[in-house]
């Protein structure tokens, strides 16, 4: 998950801007938890598609 669309309950600002200490702490926690947090959904879909393509090619090579 990215923090682009999250709104802070403390200052009502976007978490991505880090206006208050609560925003900054939550933003840092999100970035530490997931290595894929900074990837966009489009990039994740592209990685999934590439993985499926490699798996299909590997299966065809193994059965040929």
Protein backbone atom coordinates (compact mmCIF):
# COMPACT_ATOMS: atom_id res chain seq x y z
CA UNK A 1 0.00 0.00 0.00
CA UNK A 2 1.19 3.49 -0.74
CA UNK A 3 0.59 6.50 1.44
CA UNK A 4 -0.35 8.78 -1.48
CA UNK A 5 -4.08 8.70 -0.77
CA UNK A 6 -4.03 8.29 3.01
CA UNK A 7 -5.26 11.20 5.14
CA UNK A 8 -3.91 11.74 8.64
CA UNK A 9 -6.49 11.71 11.43
CA UNK A 10 -4.29 14.04 13.49
CA UNK A 11 -3.75 16.95 11.09
CA UNK A 12 -6.15 16.04 8.22
CA UNK A 13 -3.31 16.39 5.72
CA UNK A 14 -1.98 13.84 3.26
CA UNK A 15 0.29 11.30 4.97
CA UNK A 16 2.70 11.51 2.02
CA UNK A 17 3.48 15.14 2.93
CA UNK A 18 4.37 14.30 6.55
CA UNK A 19 3.00 17.51 8.08
CA UNK A 20 2.96 16.24 11.67
CA UNK A 21 4.87 13.66 13.70
CA UNK A 22 2.00 11.15 13.37
CA UNK A 23 2.11 11.42 9.55
CA UNK A 24 5.87 11.01 9.45
CA UNK A 25 5.82 8.00 11.78
CA UNK A 26 3.08 6.25 9.80
CA UNK A 27 4.80 6.97 6.49
CA UNK A 28 8.08 5.54 7.78
CA UNK A 29 6.32 2.44 9.16
CA UNK A 30 4.62 1.82 5.82
CA UNK A 31 7.90 2.08 3.94
CA UNK A 32 9.70 -0.25 6.35
CA UNK A 33 7.00 -2.95 6.39
CA UNK A 34 6.76 -3.73 2.70
CA UNK A 35 9.51 -3.72 0.12
CA UNK A 36 6.81 -3.29 -2.54
CA UNK A 37 5.19 -0.28 -0.88
CA UNK A 38 6.84 2.17 -3.24
CA UNK A 39 5.70 0.31 -6.37
CA UNK A 40 2.60 1.46 -8.16
CA UNK A 41 -0.22 -0.99 -8.88
CA UNK A 42 0.74 -0.83 -12.57
CA UNK A 43 4.31 -1.85 -11.79
CA UNK A 44 3.09 -4.72 -9.59
CA UNK A 45 0.80 -5.90 -12.41
CA UNK A 46 3.74 -5.75 -14.83
CA UNK A 47 5.89 -7.84 -12.49
CA UNK A 48 3.10 -10.39 -12.13
CA UNK A 49 2.66 -10.56 -15.89
CA UNK A 50 6.40 -11.05 -16.40
CA UNK A 51 6.45 -13.81 -13.80
CA UNK A 52 3.57 -15.61 -15.49
CA UNK A 53 5.28 -15.30 -18.87
CA UNK A 54 8.50 -16.79 -17.52
CA UNK A 55 6.56 -19.64 -15.90
CA UNK A 56 4.74 -20.44 -19.16
CA UNK A 57 7.96 -20.39 -21.17
CA UNK A 58 9.68 -22.61 -18.62
CA UNK A 59 6.78 -25.07 -18.74
CA UNK A 60 6.88 -25.27 -22.55
CA UNK A 61 10.66 -25.76 -22.54
CA UNK A 62 10.38 -28.51 -19.92
CA UNK A 63 7.72 -30.44 -21.85
CA UNK A 64 9.39 -30.06 -25.27
